[in-house]
Amino acid sequence: MLKNKKNKDDIKICMNCEHCIYIGEGDYICDVDSEPVLVMEEHCPNDNYWYCAGTEWENE
């Protein structure tokens, strides 16, 4: 997986994380765990949005 170069001005949101993957029709999953979790439906955050609470975003 390609790593995005981050800078201090990046906003900590799922969309800026390499673990947030578009799967089609406006849906996104987070692949941090062994089983992917749906974090956005039809381009709108759902209850699982920010699934990792930023821990994976900071580790990149």
C-alpha atoms as a PDB file:
ATOM      1  CA  MET A   1       0.000   0.000   0.000  1.00  0.00           C
ATOM      2  CA  LEU A   2       1.308   3.456  -0.839  1.00  0.00           C
ATOM      3  CA  LYS A   3       1.960   5.788   2.051  1.00  0.00           C
ATOM      4  CA  ASN A   4       0.667   9.312   1.707  1.00  0.00           C
ATOM      5  CA  LYS A   5       3.115  11.975   2.768  1.00  0.00           C
ATOM      6  CA  LYS A   6       1.566  13.812   5.721  1.00  0.00           C
ATOM      7  CA  ASN A   7       2.341  17.238   7.005  1.00  0.00           C
ATOM      8  CA  LYS A   8       1.413  19.072  10.166  1.00  0.00           C
ATOM      9  CA  ASP A   9      -1.513  20.830   8.435  1.00  0.00           C
ATOM     10  CA  ASP A  10      -3.360  17.609   7.541  1.00  0.00           C
ATOM     11  CA  ILE A  11      -6.701  17.268   9.277  1.00  0.00           C
ATOM     12  CA  LYS A  12      -7.114  14.054  11.277  1.00  0.00           C
ATOM     13  CA  ILE A  13     -10.131  12.502   9.588  1.00  0.00           C
ATOM     14  CA  CYS A  14     -10.778   9.081   8.115  1.00  0.00           C
ATOM     15  CA  MET A  15     -10.523  10.442   4.571  1.00  0.00           C
ATOM     16  CA  ASN A  16      -6.852  11.380   5.172  1.00  0.00           C
ATOM     17  CA  CYS A  17      -5.914   7.913   6.411  1.00  0.00           C
ATOM     18  CA  GLU A  18      -4.449   5.171   4.237  1.00  0.00           C
ATOM     19  CA  HIS A  19      -6.708   2.631   5.990  1.00  0.00           C
ATOM     20  CA  CYS A  20      -9.870   4.328   4.671  1.00  0.00           C
ATOM     21  CA  ILE A  21     -10.698   2.572   1.391  1.00  0.00           C
ATOM     22  CA  TYR A  22     -13.410   3.501  -1.096  1.00  0.00           C
ATOM     23  CA  ILE A  23     -15.444   0.423  -2.055  1.00  0.00           C
ATOM     24  CA  GLY A  24     -17.995   2.022  -4.374  1.00  0.00           C
ATOM     25  CA  GLU A  25     -21.339   3.812  -4.309  1.00  0.00           C
ATOM     26  CA  GLY A  26     -20.080   6.273  -1.680  1.00  0.00           C
ATOM     27  CA  ASP A  27     -19.135   3.594   0.844  1.00  0.00           C
ATOM     28  CA  TYR A  28     -15.763   3.467   2.620  1.00  0.00           C
ATOM     29  CA  ILE A  29     -14.257   0.819   4.885  1.00  0.00           C
ATOM     30  CA  CYS A  30     -11.510   0.931   7.480  1.00  0.00           C
ATOM     31  CA  ASP A  31      -9.097  -1.992   7.133  1.00  0.00           C
ATOM     32  CA  VAL A  32      -7.256  -1.546  10.458  1.00  0.00           C
ATOM     33  CA  ASP A  33      -8.562  -4.832  11.908  1.00  0.00           C
ATOM     34  CA  SER A  34      -8.581  -8.232  10.231  1.00  0.00           C
ATOM     35  CA  GLU A  35     -12.255  -7.718   9.339  1.00  0.00           C
ATOM     36  CA  PRO A  36     -12.981  -4.394   7.550  1.00  0.00           C
ATOM     37  CA  VAL A  37     -15.488  -2.004   9.149  1.00  0.00           C
ATOM     38  CA  LEU A  38     -17.835   0.230   7.153  1.00  0.00           C
ATOM     39  CA  VAL A  39     -17.139   3.829   8.258  1.00  0.00           C
ATOM     40  CA  MET A  40     -19.028   5.848   5.621  1.00  0.00           C
ATOM     41  CA  GLU A  41     -22.199   5.168   3.667  1.00  0.00           C
ATOM     42  CA  GLU A  42     -23.116   7.195   0.581  1.00  0.00           C
ATOM     43  CA  HIS A  43     -20.281   9.644   1.418  1.00  0.00           C
ATOM     44  CA  CYS A  44     -21.729  10.292   4.915  1.00  0.00           C
ATOM     45  CA  PRO A  45     -20.065   9.187   8.174  1.00  0.00           C
ATOM     46  CA  ASN A  46     -21.897   6.456  10.085  1.00  0.00           C
ATOM     47  CA  ASP A  47     -21.624   5.311  13.717  1.00  0.00           C
ATOM     48  CA  ASN A  48     -18.263   3.610  13.006  1.00  0.00           C
ATOM     49  CA  TYR A  49     -16.629   6.763  11.616  1.00  0.00           C
ATOM     50  CA  TRP A  50     -13.272   7.471  13.286  1.00  0.00           C
ATOM     51  CA  TYR A  51     -13.194   3.768  14.146  1.00  0.00           C
ATOM     52  CA  CYS A  52      -9.587   3.722  15.371  1.00  0.00           C
ATOM     53  CA  ALA A  53      -9.961   7.043  17.261  1.00  0.00           C
ATOM     54  CA  GLY A  54      -6.958   8.364  15.360  1.00  0.00           C
ATOM     55  CA  THR A  55      -4.419   5.842  16.613  1.00  0.00           C
ATOM     56  CA  GLU A  56      -3.693   4.475  13.148  1.00  0.00           C
ATOM     57  CA  TRP A  57      -3.673   7.954  11.615  1.00  0.00           C
ATOM     58  CA  GLU A  58      -0.902   8.996  13.986  1.00  0.00           C
ATOM     59  CA  ASN A  59       1.085   5.791  13.339  1.00  0.00           C
ATOM     60  CA  GLU A  60       1.374   6.402   9.591  1.00  0.00           C
END
